[in-house]
Amino acid sequence: MRHAVFGLPATALLLLGVSAAPALAEPPAPPSTTTARQELAALTVAAPHPMDGYSRDKFDIWSTQPGGCTTRQTVLARDGKDVQDKPDSCQPASGSWYSVYDDTTVTDVTKATIDHMVPLAEAWRSGADDWSADQRKAFGNDLKDPQLLIASEASNTSKSDSGPADWKPTNHASWCTYAKDYTHIKSVWKLTTTDQEETALSSMLDTCTD
């Protein structure tokens, strides 16, 4: 993948001291079905915490990454195809982005939203209300785990702050990966689940073939 400014590849831009969003090879891979089932079984089932004090701002999303680009710009660069940046900027000007939730391709960067696999509000309800500011920032900008992905405006709006007990992708072919990734994030960040969510995740893991 190349990210160009004035027609130059990103490697040349680095020599010129011009920032460009880094082209990471791939988004983090989901765990195996066996691992996901083990992680799901190990999650603590608990009642959702109250939303008292919740604010998206407390997760400091889209903070600046090493190199000067924001988390959002980094994901757009990582997961886009034929991405071209604006002059002297990390911000993509053109490209295409696949939204797996609804099996659509977005070619307008302003409509390529970045979704948190486990929504910030859901994280708050399942333990993030007790985290430090640094922990919330790390969660809101997590590039190491499969927490951030491209979503069309329609699918992101439809999902909103819902977990799998109340929302599932319209693209049934994505249910397996969605359940794996969602379970993995909750496991890594030691977030709780509910009986309803656990049942929904288990049902979607049943669609996996690996």
N, C-alpha and C. Protein backbone atom coordinates (compact mmCIF):
# COMPACT_ATOMS: atom_id res chain seq x y z
N MET A 1 0.85 -1.19 0.00
CA MET A 1 0.00 0.00 0.00
C MET A 1 0.88 1.24 0.00
N ARG A 2 0.55 2.21 -0.83
CA ARG A 2 1.31 3.45 -0.88
C ARG A 2 0.42 4.60 -0.44
N HIS A 3 1.03 5.54 0.24
CA HIS A 3 0.32 6.74 0.66
C HIS A 3 1.11 7.91 0.13
N ALA A 4 0.53 8.65 -0.80
CA ALA A 4 1.31 9.64 -1.53
C ALA A 4 0.93 11.06 -1.19
N VAL A 5 1.92 11.91 -1.18
CA VAL A 5 1.75 13.35 -1.09
C VAL A 5 2.55 13.93 -2.23
N PHE A 6 1.92 14.72 -3.09
CA PHE A 6 2.57 15.24 -4.29
C PHE A 6 3.12 14.10 -5.14
N GLY A 7 2.44 12.93 -5.09
CA GLY A 7 2.84 11.81 -5.92
C GLY A 7 4.01 11.01 -5.38
N LEU A 8 4.49 11.32 -4.18
CA LEU A 8 5.62 10.61 -3.62
C LEU A 8 5.17 9.51 -2.68
N PRO A 9 5.86 8.37 -2.68
CA PRO A 9 5.51 7.31 -1.73
C PRO A 9 5.89 7.70 -0.32
N ALA A 10 5.33 7.00 0.65
CA ALA A 10 5.55 7.33 2.06
C ALA A 10 7.01 7.25 2.44
N THR A 11 7.76 6.28 1.85
CA THR A 11 9.18 6.16 2.21
C THR A 11 9.95 7.41 1.84
N ALA A 12 9.63 8.00 0.69
CA ALA A 12 10.31 9.22 0.28
C ALA A 12 9.91 10.39 1.17
N LEU A 13 8.66 10.40 1.58
CA LEU A 13 8.18 11.49 2.43
C LEU A 13 8.91 11.51 3.76
N LEU A 14 9.21 10.33 4.29
CA LEU A 14 9.92 10.26 5.55
C LEU A 14 11.28 10.92 5.44
N LEU A 15 11.95 10.72 4.29
CA LEU A 15 13.26 11.34 4.08
C LEU A 15 13.14 12.85 4.00
N LEU A 16 11.98 13.34 3.53
CA LEU A 16 11.77 14.77 3.41
C LEU A 16 11.21 15.37 4.68
N GLY A 17 10.92 14.53 5.68
CA GLY A 17 10.39 15.04 6.94
C GLY A 17 8.92 15.36 6.88
N VAL A 18 8.20 14.80 5.90
CA VAL A 18 6.76 15.05 5.76
C VAL A 18 6.01 13.88 6.38
N SER A 19 5.04 14.16 7.24
CA SER A 19 4.27 13.10 7.89
C SER A 19 3.29 12.47 6.92
N ALA A 20 3.09 11.20 7.05
CA ALA A 20 2.05 10.48 6.32
C ALA A 20 1.61 9.34 7.20
N ALA A 21 0.34 8.99 7.12
CA ALA A 21 -0.17 7.91 7.94
C ALA A 21 0.56 6.62 7.59
N PRO A 22 1.03 5.87 8.59
CA PRO A 22 1.79 4.66 8.30
C PRO A 22 0.92 3.58 7.68
N ALA A 23 1.49 2.85 6.73
CA ALA A 23 0.77 1.77 6.08
C ALA A 23 1.10 0.47 6.80
N LEU A 24 0.29 0.11 7.77
CA LEU A 24 0.48 -1.14 8.49
C LEU A 24 0.00 -2.29 7.62
N ALA A 25 0.62 -3.45 7.75
CA ALA A 25 0.33 -4.54 6.83
C ALA A 25 -1.10 -5.03 6.93
N GLU A 26 -1.53 -5.34 8.12
CA GLU A 26 -2.85 -5.96 8.31
C GLU A 26 -3.42 -5.53 9.65
N PRO A 27 -4.74 -5.51 9.77
CA PRO A 27 -5.33 -5.33 11.10
C PRO A 27 -5.07 -6.56 11.94
N PRO A 28 -5.14 -6.45 13.26
CA PRO A 28 -4.88 -7.62 14.12
C PRO A 28 -5.82 -8.77 13.77
N ALA A 29 -5.27 -9.96 13.72
CA ALA A 29 -6.06 -11.15 13.36
C ALA A 29 -6.90 -11.61 14.54
N PRO A 30 -8.07 -12.19 14.26
CA PRO A 30 -8.90 -12.74 15.35
C PRO A 30 -8.28 -14.01 15.89
N PRO A 31 -8.63 -14.39 17.10
CA PRO A 31 -8.15 -15.67 17.64
C PRO A 31 -8.83 -16.83 16.94
N SER A 32 -8.36 -18.03 17.20
CA SER A 32 -9.04 -19.21 16.66
C SER A 32 -10.38 -19.38 17.37
N THR A 33 -11.24 -20.19 16.79
CA THR A 33 -12.54 -20.44 17.41
C THR A 33 -12.36 -21.11 18.78
N THR A 34 -11.42 -22.02 18.86
CA THR A 34 -11.16 -22.70 20.14
C THR A 34 -10.75 -21.70 21.21
N THR A 35 -9.83 -20.80 20.84
CA THR A 35 -9.38 -19.78 21.79
C THR A 35 -10.53 -18.86 22.18
N ALA A 36 -11.32 -18.46 21.19
CA ALA A 36 -12.44 -17.56 21.47
C ALA A 36 -13.44 -18.21 22.43
N ARG A 37 -13.71 -19.49 22.24
CA ARG A 37 -14.64 -20.18 23.15
C ARG A 37 -14.05 -20.27 24.56
N GLN A 38 -12.76 -20.50 24.65
CA GLN A 38 -12.11 -20.53 25.96
C GLN A 38 -12.17 -19.16 26.63
N GLU A 39 -11.94 -18.11 25.84
CA GLU A 39 -11.99 -16.75 26.38
C GLU A 39 -13.41 -16.40 26.83
N LEU A 40 -14.40 -16.81 26.02
CA LEU A 40 -15.79 -16.53 26.37
C LEU A 40 -16.17 -17.23 27.68
N ALA A 41 -15.76 -18.47 27.82
CA ALA A 41 -16.09 -19.23 29.03
C ALA A 41 -15.44 -18.62 30.28
N ALA A 42 -14.32 -17.93 30.09
CA ALA A 42 -13.59 -17.37 31.22
C ALA A 42 -14.07 -15.97 31.61
N LEU A 43 -14.91 -15.34 30.77
CA LEU A 43 -15.40 -14.00 31.11
C LEU A 43 -16.28 -14.04 32.36
N THR A 44 -16.18 -13.03 33.16
CA THR A 44 -17.02 -12.91 34.36
C THR A 44 -18.39 -12.38 33.96
N VAL A 45 -19.43 -13.10 34.35
CA VAL A 45 -20.81 -12.65 34.10
C VAL A 45 -21.23 -11.76 35.27
N ALA A 46 -21.68 -10.56 34.94
CA ALA A 46 -22.06 -9.60 35.98
C ALA A 46 -23.10 -8.63 35.44
N ALA A 47 -23.83 -8.03 36.32
CA ALA A 47 -24.81 -7.01 35.91
C ALA A 47 -24.08 -5.79 35.36
N PRO A 48 -24.65 -5.15 34.34
CA PRO A 48 -24.01 -3.95 33.79
C PRO A 48 -23.88 -2.85 34.85
N HIS A 49 -22.77 -2.13 34.81
CA HIS A 49 -22.57 -1.01 35.71
C HIS A 49 -23.43 0.17 35.24
N PRO A 50 -23.79 1.07 36.13
CA PRO A 50 -24.55 2.26 35.71
C PRO A 50 -23.71 3.16 34.82
N MET A 51 -24.37 3.99 34.04
CA MET A 51 -23.69 4.89 33.11
C MET A 51 -23.32 6.22 33.75
N ASP A 52 -23.44 6.32 35.04
CA ASP A 52 -23.10 7.56 35.75
C ASP A 52 -21.67 8.00 35.41
N GLY A 53 -21.53 9.24 34.98
CA GLY A 53 -20.21 9.81 34.70
C GLY A 53 -19.64 9.48 33.34
N TYR A 54 -20.37 8.69 32.53
CA TYR A 54 -19.83 8.29 31.22
C TYR A 54 -19.72 9.46 30.27
N SER A 55 -18.63 9.48 29.52
CA SER A 55 -18.43 10.42 28.42
C SER A 55 -17.41 9.83 27.47
N ARG A 56 -17.66 9.95 26.16
CA ARG A 56 -16.68 9.47 25.17
C ARG A 56 -15.35 10.19 25.34
N ASP A 57 -15.41 11.43 25.79
CA ASP A 57 -14.19 12.21 25.96
C ASP A 57 -13.23 11.56 26.96
N LYS A 58 -13.76 10.76 27.86
CA LYS A 58 -12.92 10.13 28.87
C LYS A 58 -12.03 9.04 28.29
N PHE A 59 -12.25 8.68 27.01
CA PHE A 59 -11.42 7.68 26.35
C PHE A 59 -10.40 8.31 25.41
N ASP A 60 -10.42 9.63 25.29
CA ASP A 60 -9.43 10.37 24.49
C ASP A 60 -9.20 9.72 23.13
N ILE A 61 -10.30 9.41 22.45
CA ILE A 61 -10.18 8.70 21.17
C ILE A 61 -9.53 9.57 20.10
N TRP A 62 -8.92 8.90 19.16
CA TRP A 62 -8.21 9.49 18.02
C TRP A 62 -7.05 10.36 18.47
N SER A 63 -6.37 9.92 19.52
CA SER A 63 -5.19 10.64 19.99
C SER A 63 -4.06 10.47 18.98
N THR A 64 -3.02 11.26 19.14
CA THR A 64 -1.89 11.23 18.21
C THR A 64 -0.99 10.03 18.49
N GLN A 65 -0.67 9.30 17.43
CA GLN A 65 0.21 8.14 17.52
C GLN A 65 1.66 8.57 17.26
N PRO A 66 2.64 7.73 17.60
CA PRO A 66 4.02 8.04 17.25
C PRO A 66 4.12 8.29 15.74
N GLY A 67 4.75 9.38 15.36
CA GLY A 67 4.83 9.74 13.95
C GLY A 67 3.93 10.92 13.60
N GLY A 68 3.01 11.26 14.53
CA GLY A 68 2.22 12.46 14.35
C GLY A 68 0.84 12.29 13.77
N CYS A 69 0.47 11.10 13.34
CA CYS A 69 -0.86 10.87 12.79
C CYS A 69 -1.81 10.43 13.90
N THR A 70 -3.09 10.71 13.74
CA THR A 70 -4.07 10.29 14.74
C THR A 70 -4.38 8.81 14.60
N THR A 71 -5.01 8.26 15.61
CA THR A 71 -5.42 6.86 15.55
C THR A 71 -6.37 6.62 14.38
N ARG A 72 -7.30 7.54 14.17
CA ARG A 72 -8.25 7.38 13.06
C ARG A 72 -7.53 7.35 11.72
N GLN A 73 -6.60 8.27 11.52
CA GLN A 73 -5.85 8.32 10.27
C GLN A 73 -5.02 7.05 10.07
N THR A 74 -4.49 6.53 11.17
CA THR A 74 -3.70 5.31 11.11
C THR A 74 -4.55 4.12 10.66
N VAL A 75 -5.77 4.02 11.19
CA VAL A 75 -6.66 2.91 10.79
C VAL A 75 -7.10 3.07 9.34
N LEU A 76 -7.39 4.29 8.92
CA LEU A 76 -7.76 4.53 7.52
C LEU A 76 -6.63 4.12 6.58
N ALA A 77 -5.39 4.40 6.98
CA ALA A 77 -4.24 4.01 6.17
C ALA A 77 -4.05 2.50 6.18
N ARG A 78 -4.23 1.90 7.35
CA ARG A 78 -4.01 0.47 7.51
C ARG A 78 -5.02 -0.36 6.73
N ASP A 79 -6.28 0.05 6.79
CA ASP A 79 -7.36 -0.80 6.27
C ASP A 79 -7.91 -0.33 4.92
N GLY A 80 -7.38 0.76 4.37
CA GLY A 80 -7.87 1.24 3.09
C GLY A 80 -7.14 0.62 1.91
N LYS A 81 -7.69 0.84 0.75
CA LYS A 81 -7.08 0.37 -0.50
C LYS A 81 -6.83 1.58 -1.40
N ASP A 82 -5.64 1.62 -2.00
CA ASP A 82 -5.28 2.72 -2.90
C ASP A 82 -5.47 4.09 -2.24
N VAL A 83 -5.03 4.19 -1.00
CA VAL A 83 -5.22 5.43 -0.24
C VAL A 83 -4.19 6.46 -0.68
N GLN A 84 -4.67 7.67 -0.93
CA GLN A 84 -3.82 8.80 -1.26
C GLN A 84 -4.08 9.90 -0.24
N ASP A 85 -3.01 10.39 0.39
CA ASP A 85 -3.16 11.41 1.42
C ASP A 85 -3.24 12.82 0.82
N LYS A 86 -3.83 13.72 1.57
CA LYS A 86 -3.81 15.13 1.21
C LYS A 86 -2.38 15.64 1.29
N PRO A 87 -2.05 16.71 0.54
CA PRO A 87 -0.70 17.25 0.57
C PRO A 87 -0.24 17.58 1.99
N ASP A 88 0.96 17.12 2.33
CA ASP A 88 1.58 17.43 3.61
C ASP A 88 0.67 17.11 4.78
N SER A 89 0.04 15.93 4.73
CA SER A 89 -0.95 15.59 5.73
C SER A 89 -1.05 14.08 5.89
N CYS A 90 -1.51 13.64 7.06
CA CYS A 90 -1.83 12.23 7.30
C CYS A 90 -3.24 11.90 6.82
N GLN A 91 -4.04 12.90 6.52
CA GLN A 91 -5.46 12.70 6.23
C GLN A 91 -5.66 12.21 4.79
N PRO A 92 -6.28 11.02 4.62
CA PRO A 92 -6.53 10.53 3.27
C PRO A 92 -7.45 11.46 2.48
N ALA A 93 -7.12 11.61 1.21
CA ALA A 93 -7.96 12.38 0.31
C ALA A 93 -8.84 11.46 -0.53
N SER A 94 -8.35 10.26 -0.79
CA SER A 94 -9.11 9.32 -1.60
C SER A 94 -8.68 7.90 -1.26
N GLY A 95 -9.49 6.96 -1.73
CA GLY A 95 -9.23 5.55 -1.48
C GLY A 95 -10.55 4.81 -1.37
N SER A 96 -10.49 3.57 -0.94
CA SER A 96 -11.72 2.80 -0.71
C SER A 96 -11.54 1.99 0.56
N TRP A 97 -12.66 1.80 1.26
CA TRP A 97 -12.63 1.15 2.57
C TRP A 97 -13.80 0.16 2.64
N TYR A 98 -13.48 -1.08 3.02
CA TYR A 98 -14.50 -2.13 3.08
C TYR A 98 -15.10 -2.21 4.47
N SER A 99 -16.42 -2.17 4.53
CA SER A 99 -17.16 -2.28 5.77
C SER A 99 -17.73 -3.70 5.87
N VAL A 100 -17.10 -4.53 6.70
CA VAL A 100 -17.49 -5.93 6.77
C VAL A 100 -18.85 -6.11 7.42
N TYR A 101 -19.26 -5.20 8.28
CA TYR A 101 -20.55 -5.34 8.96
C TYR A 101 -21.71 -5.47 7.98
N ASP A 102 -21.65 -4.69 6.89
CA ASP A 102 -22.76 -4.71 5.94
C ASP A 102 -22.31 -5.03 4.52
N ASP A 103 -21.07 -5.53 4.36
CA ASP A 103 -20.55 -5.98 3.07
C ASP A 103 -20.66 -4.89 2.01
N THR A 104 -20.20 -3.68 2.38
CA THR A 104 -20.22 -2.57 1.44
C THR A 104 -18.83 -1.94 1.37
N THR A 105 -18.57 -1.27 0.26
CA THR A 105 -17.31 -0.55 0.09
C THR A 105 -17.59 0.94 0.06
N VAL A 106 -16.86 1.69 0.85
CA VAL A 106 -17.02 3.14 0.95
C VAL A 106 -15.89 3.81 0.20
N THR A 107 -16.20 4.76 -0.67
CA THR A 107 -15.16 5.47 -1.42
C THR A 107 -15.06 6.94 -1.04
N ASP A 108 -15.93 7.38 -0.16
CA ASP A 108 -15.87 8.75 0.37
C ASP A 108 -15.29 8.65 1.78
N VAL A 109 -14.10 9.20 1.98
CA VAL A 109 -13.41 9.03 3.26
C VAL A 109 -14.22 9.61 4.42
N THR A 110 -15.04 10.62 4.15
CA THR A 110 -15.84 11.21 5.22
C THR A 110 -16.93 10.25 5.69
N LYS A 111 -17.22 9.23 4.90
CA LYS A 111 -18.24 8.25 5.28
C LYS A 111 -17.63 6.93 5.73
N ALA A 112 -16.29 6.89 5.79
CA ALA A 112 -15.59 5.71 6.31
C ALA A 112 -15.34 5.92 7.80
N THR A 113 -16.26 5.47 8.60
CA THR A 113 -16.13 5.69 10.04
C THR A 113 -15.29 4.58 10.67
N ILE A 114 -14.75 4.87 11.84
CA ILE A 114 -13.97 3.87 12.59
C ILE A 114 -14.82 3.42 13.77
N ASP A 115 -15.08 2.14 13.83
CA ASP A 115 -15.91 1.58 14.89
C ASP A 115 -15.05 0.94 15.96
N HIS A 116 -15.47 1.09 17.21
CA HIS A 116 -14.88 0.35 18.31
C HIS A 116 -15.63 -0.97 18.42
N MET A 117 -14.92 -2.07 18.23
CA MET A 117 -15.55 -3.39 18.27
C MET A 117 -16.39 -3.54 19.54
N VAL A 118 -15.80 -3.31 20.70
CA VAL A 118 -16.56 -3.20 21.94
C VAL A 118 -16.80 -1.71 22.16
N PRO A 119 -18.05 -1.25 22.01
CA PRO A 119 -18.33 0.18 22.12
C PRO A 119 -17.85 0.75 23.45
N LEU A 120 -17.50 2.03 23.41
CA LEU A 120 -16.98 2.69 24.61
C LEU A 120 -18.00 2.64 25.75
N ALA A 121 -19.27 2.86 25.44
CA ALA A 121 -20.30 2.82 26.47
C ALA A 121 -20.44 1.41 27.05
N GLU A 122 -20.32 0.41 26.18
CA GLU A 122 -20.40 -0.97 26.65
C GLU A 122 -19.20 -1.30 27.54
N ALA A 123 -18.04 -0.78 27.17
CA ALA A 123 -16.87 -0.98 28.03
C ALA A 123 -17.09 -0.34 29.39
N TRP A 124 -17.69 0.84 29.38
CA TRP A 124 -17.98 1.54 30.65
C TRP A 124 -18.91 0.68 31.51
N ARG A 125 -19.93 0.11 30.89
CA ARG A 125 -20.89 -0.71 31.63
C ARG A 125 -20.27 -2.00 32.15
N SER A 126 -19.17 -2.41 31.55
CA SER A 126 -18.60 -3.71 31.92
C SER A 126 -17.22 -3.61 32.58
N GLY A 127 -16.91 -2.41 33.12
CA GLY A 127 -15.70 -2.31 33.92
C GLY A 127 -14.83 -1.10 33.71
N ALA A 128 -14.95 -0.42 32.56
CA ALA A 128 -14.09 0.72 32.27
C ALA A 128 -14.39 1.92 33.15
N ASP A 129 -15.54 1.91 33.82
CA ASP A 129 -15.85 3.01 34.73
C ASP A 129 -14.88 3.06 35.90
N ASP A 130 -14.20 1.94 36.16
CA ASP A 130 -13.24 1.89 37.26
C ASP A 130 -11.79 2.07 36.79
N TRP A 131 -11.59 2.28 35.50
CA TRP A 131 -10.24 2.41 34.97
C TRP A 131 -9.65 3.79 35.21
N SER A 132 -8.34 3.86 35.06
CA SER A 132 -7.65 5.16 35.08
C SER A 132 -7.81 5.83 33.72
N ALA A 133 -7.49 7.11 33.66
CA ALA A 133 -7.56 7.84 32.40
C ALA A 133 -6.64 7.22 31.36
N ASP A 134 -5.46 6.76 31.76
CA ASP A 134 -4.52 6.15 30.82
C ASP A 134 -5.07 4.84 30.27
N GLN A 135 -5.72 4.05 31.11
CA GLN A 135 -6.31 2.80 30.63
C GLN A 135 -7.41 3.07 29.61
N ARG A 136 -8.24 4.07 29.89
CA ARG A 136 -9.32 4.38 28.94
C ARG A 136 -8.75 4.88 27.61
N LYS A 137 -7.72 5.69 27.67
CA LYS A 137 -7.09 6.19 26.44
C LYS A 137 -6.52 5.03 25.64
N ALA A 138 -5.86 4.10 26.32
CA ALA A 138 -5.28 2.94 25.64
C ALA A 138 -6.37 2.10 24.98
N PHE A 139 -7.50 1.94 25.64
CA PHE A 139 -8.62 1.18 25.09
C PHE A 139 -9.23 1.90 23.89
N GLY A 140 -9.43 3.19 24.02
CA GLY A 140 -10.06 3.96 22.94
C GLY A 140 -9.22 4.07 21.70
N ASN A 141 -7.92 3.79 21.81
CA ASN A 141 -6.99 3.92 20.68
C ASN A 141 -6.19 2.63 20.46
N ASP A 142 -6.80 1.49 20.79
CA ASP A 142 -6.12 0.19 20.77
C ASP A 142 -5.88 -0.29 19.34
N LEU A 143 -4.63 -0.22 18.90
CA LEU A 143 -4.25 -0.72 17.57
C LEU A 143 -3.65 -2.12 17.64
N LYS A 144 -3.32 -2.57 18.83
CA LYS A 144 -2.69 -3.89 18.99
C LYS A 144 -3.70 -5.01 18.85
N ASP A 145 -4.90 -4.79 19.37
CA ASP A 145 -5.95 -5.81 19.36
C ASP A 145 -7.01 -5.45 18.31
N PRO A 146 -7.89 -6.41 17.95
CA PRO A 146 -8.90 -6.15 16.91
C PRO A 146 -10.07 -5.32 17.42
N GLN A 147 -9.76 -4.12 17.91
CA GLN A 147 -10.77 -3.26 18.52
C GLN A 147 -11.26 -2.17 17.57
N LEU A 148 -10.46 -1.79 16.59
CA LEU A 148 -10.81 -0.69 15.69
C LEU A 148 -10.93 -1.20 14.26
N LEU A 149 -12.04 -0.90 13.61
CA LEU A 149 -12.24 -1.37 12.24
C LEU A 149 -13.10 -0.37 11.46
N ILE A 150 -13.00 -0.48 10.15
CA ILE A 150 -13.79 0.37 9.26
C ILE A 150 -15.26 -0.07 9.31
N ALA A 151 -16.14 0.91 9.34
CA ALA A 151 -17.58 0.63 9.26
C ALA A 151 -18.25 1.73 8.47
N SER A 152 -19.20 1.37 7.66
CA SER A 152 -19.97 2.39 6.95
C SER A 152 -20.75 3.21 7.96
N GLU A 153 -21.14 4.40 7.55
CA GLU A 153 -21.94 5.25 8.44
C GLU A 153 -23.20 4.53 8.89
N ALA A 154 -23.85 3.86 7.95
CA ALA A 154 -25.13 3.20 8.25
C ALA A 154 -24.95 2.10 9.30
N SER A 155 -23.92 1.27 9.13
CA SER A 155 -23.73 0.17 10.08
C SER A 155 -23.26 0.68 11.43
N ASN A 156 -22.42 1.70 11.43
CA ASN A 156 -21.93 2.26 12.69
C ASN A 156 -23.07 2.91 13.46
N THR A 157 -23.92 3.62 12.74
CA THR A 157 -25.08 4.25 13.39
C THR A 157 -26.04 3.20 13.92
N SER A 158 -26.24 2.14 13.15
CA SER A 158 -27.13 1.06 13.57
C SER A 158 -26.60 0.37 14.83
N LYS A 159 -25.31 0.12 14.86
CA LYS A 159 -24.71 -0.54 16.02
C LYS A 159 -24.70 0.38 17.23
N SER A 160 -24.28 1.62 17.04
CA SER A 160 -24.22 2.61 18.11
C SER A 160 -23.45 2.04 19.31
N ASP A 161 -24.07 2.04 20.48
CA ASP A 161 -23.42 1.56 21.70
C ASP A 161 -23.83 0.14 22.07
N SER A 162 -24.44 -0.57 21.13
CA SER A 162 -24.98 -1.90 21.44
C SER A 162 -23.91 -2.98 21.38
N GLY A 163 -24.09 -3.99 22.20
CA GLY A 163 -23.30 -5.20 22.13
C GLY A 163 -24.06 -6.26 21.36
N PRO A 164 -23.50 -7.46 21.20
CA PRO A 164 -24.11 -8.51 20.38
C PRO A 164 -25.44 -9.04 20.90
N ALA A 165 -25.79 -8.78 22.14
CA ALA A 165 -27.10 -9.20 22.63
C ALA A 165 -28.21 -8.40 21.97
N ASP A 166 -27.88 -7.18 21.52
CA ASP A 166 -28.90 -6.29 20.95
C ASP A 166 -28.64 -5.93 19.49
N TRP A 167 -27.46 -6.24 18.98
CA TRP A 167 -27.13 -5.88 17.59
C TRP A 167 -26.19 -6.92 17.01
N LYS A 168 -26.44 -7.27 15.75
CA LYS A 168 -25.54 -8.15 15.01
C LYS A 168 -25.36 -7.58 13.60
N PRO A 169 -24.21 -7.79 12.98
CA PRO A 169 -24.00 -7.31 11.61
C PRO A 169 -25.04 -7.89 10.66
N THR A 170 -25.47 -7.07 9.70
CA THR A 170 -26.40 -7.57 8.69
C THR A 170 -25.72 -8.58 7.77
N ASN A 171 -24.41 -8.49 7.67
CA ASN A 171 -23.64 -9.45 6.88
C ASN A 171 -23.36 -10.68 7.74
N HIS A 172 -24.18 -11.72 7.58
CA HIS A 172 -24.07 -12.91 8.41
C HIS A 172 -22.71 -13.58 8.26
N ALA A 173 -22.06 -13.39 7.11
CA ALA A 173 -20.75 -14.00 6.89
C ALA A 173 -19.69 -13.45 7.83
N SER A 174 -19.98 -12.31 8.46
CA SER A 174 -19.01 -11.69 9.36
C SER A 174 -19.25 -12.07 10.82
N TRP A 175 -20.29 -12.84 11.10
CA TRP A 175 -20.65 -13.13 12.49
C TRP A 175 -19.53 -13.86 13.24
N CYS A 176 -18.89 -14.80 12.58
CA CYS A 176 -17.83 -15.56 13.24
C CYS A 176 -16.71 -14.64 13.70
N THR A 177 -16.19 -13.83 12.78
CA THR A 177 -15.07 -12.94 13.12
C THR A 177 -15.50 -11.89 14.13
N TYR A 178 -16.73 -11.37 13.97
CA TYR A 178 -17.24 -10.39 14.92
C TYR A 178 -17.27 -10.97 16.33
N ALA A 179 -17.77 -12.18 16.48
CA ALA A 179 -17.85 -12.81 17.81
C ALA A 179 -16.47 -13.10 18.38
N LYS A 180 -15.56 -13.55 17.52
CA LYS A 180 -14.19 -13.80 17.97
C LYS A 180 -13.53 -12.52 18.47
N ASP A 181 -13.62 -11.48 17.65
CA ASP A 181 -12.96 -10.21 18.00
C ASP A 181 -13.57 -9.59 19.25
N TYR A 182 -14.90 -9.58 19.31
CA TYR A 182 -15.58 -8.98 20.45
C TYR A 182 -15.21 -9.71 21.74
N THR A 183 -15.24 -11.04 21.69
CA THR A 183 -14.88 -11.85 22.86
C THR A 183 -13.43 -11.60 23.26
N HIS A 184 -12.56 -11.53 22.26
CA HIS A 184 -11.13 -11.34 22.54
C HIS A 184 -10.88 -9.99 23.22
N ILE A 185 -11.55 -8.95 22.75
CA ILE A 185 -11.37 -7.63 23.37
C ILE A 185 -11.84 -7.66 24.81
N LYS A 186 -12.97 -8.25 25.06
CA LYS A 186 -13.46 -8.33 26.44
C LYS A 186 -12.51 -9.14 27.32
N SER A 187 -11.91 -10.17 26.74
CA SER A 187 -10.96 -10.99 27.50
C SER A 187 -9.68 -10.23 27.79
N VAL A 188 -9.11 -9.61 26.77
CA VAL A 188 -7.84 -8.88 26.93
C VAL A 188 -7.97 -7.76 27.96
N TRP A 189 -9.11 -7.05 27.89
CA TRP A 189 -9.31 -5.89 28.76
C TRP A 189 -10.05 -6.24 30.05
N LYS A 190 -10.28 -7.54 30.26
CA LYS A 190 -10.89 -8.02 31.51
C LYS A 190 -12.22 -7.33 31.80
N LEU A 191 -13.03 -7.23 30.76
CA LEU A 191 -14.37 -6.67 30.89
C LEU A 191 -15.37 -7.79 31.17
N THR A 192 -16.45 -7.45 31.82
CA THR A 192 -17.46 -8.45 32.14
C THR A 192 -18.43 -8.64 30.99
N THR A 193 -19.25 -9.65 31.09
CA THR A 193 -20.29 -9.91 30.11
C THR A 193 -21.61 -10.14 30.85
N THR A 194 -22.67 -10.36 30.11
CA THR A 194 -23.97 -10.71 30.69
C THR A 194 -24.39 -12.06 30.12
N ASP A 195 -25.38 -12.67 30.75
CA ASP A 195 -25.89 -13.95 30.23
C ASP A 195 -26.36 -13.81 28.80
N GLN A 196 -27.07 -12.72 28.51
CA GLN A 196 -27.61 -12.50 27.17
C GLN A 196 -26.50 -12.32 26.14
N GLU A 197 -25.48 -11.56 26.53
CA GLU A 197 -24.37 -11.34 25.61
C GLU A 197 -23.59 -12.64 25.39
N GLU A 198 -23.37 -13.38 26.45
CA GLU A 198 -22.65 -14.65 26.34
C GLU A 198 -23.38 -15.61 25.41
N THR A 199 -24.70 -15.66 25.52
CA THR A 199 -25.50 -16.53 24.64
C THR A 199 -25.39 -16.09 23.19
N ALA A 200 -25.46 -14.77 22.95
CA ALA A 200 -25.37 -14.25 21.59
C ALA A 200 -24.00 -14.55 20.98
N LEU A 201 -22.95 -14.36 21.73
CA LEU A 201 -21.60 -14.62 21.23
C LEU A 201 -21.41 -16.10 20.94
N SER A 202 -21.89 -16.96 21.81
CA SER A 202 -21.77 -18.40 21.60
C SER A 202 -22.49 -18.83 20.34
N SER A 203 -23.68 -18.26 20.13
CA SER A 203 -24.46 -18.58 18.93
C SER A 203 -23.73 -18.17 17.66
N MET A 204 -23.09 -17.00 17.68
CA MET A 204 -22.37 -16.55 16.50
C MET A 204 -21.09 -17.35 16.30
N LEU A 205 -20.47 -17.79 17.37
CA LEU A 205 -19.28 -18.65 17.22
C LEU A 205 -19.64 -19.98 16.59
N ASP A 206 -20.92 -20.39 16.71
CA ASP A 206 -21.38 -21.62 16.08
C ASP A 206 -21.31 -21.52 14.55
N THR A 207 -21.22 -20.31 14.01
CA THR A 207 -21.15 -20.15 12.55
C THR A 207 -19.73 -20.33 12.03
N CYS A 208 -18.75 -20.42 12.94
CA CYS A 208 -17.35 -20.56 12.52
C CYS A 208 -17.10 -21.96 11.95
N THR A 209 -16.20 -22.03 11.00
CA THR A 209 -15.90 -23.31 10.38
C THR A 209 -14.47 -23.77 10.62
N ASP A 210 -13.67 -22.95 11.33
CA ASP A 210 -12.29 -23.36 11.60
C ASP A 210 -12.20 -24.17 12.90
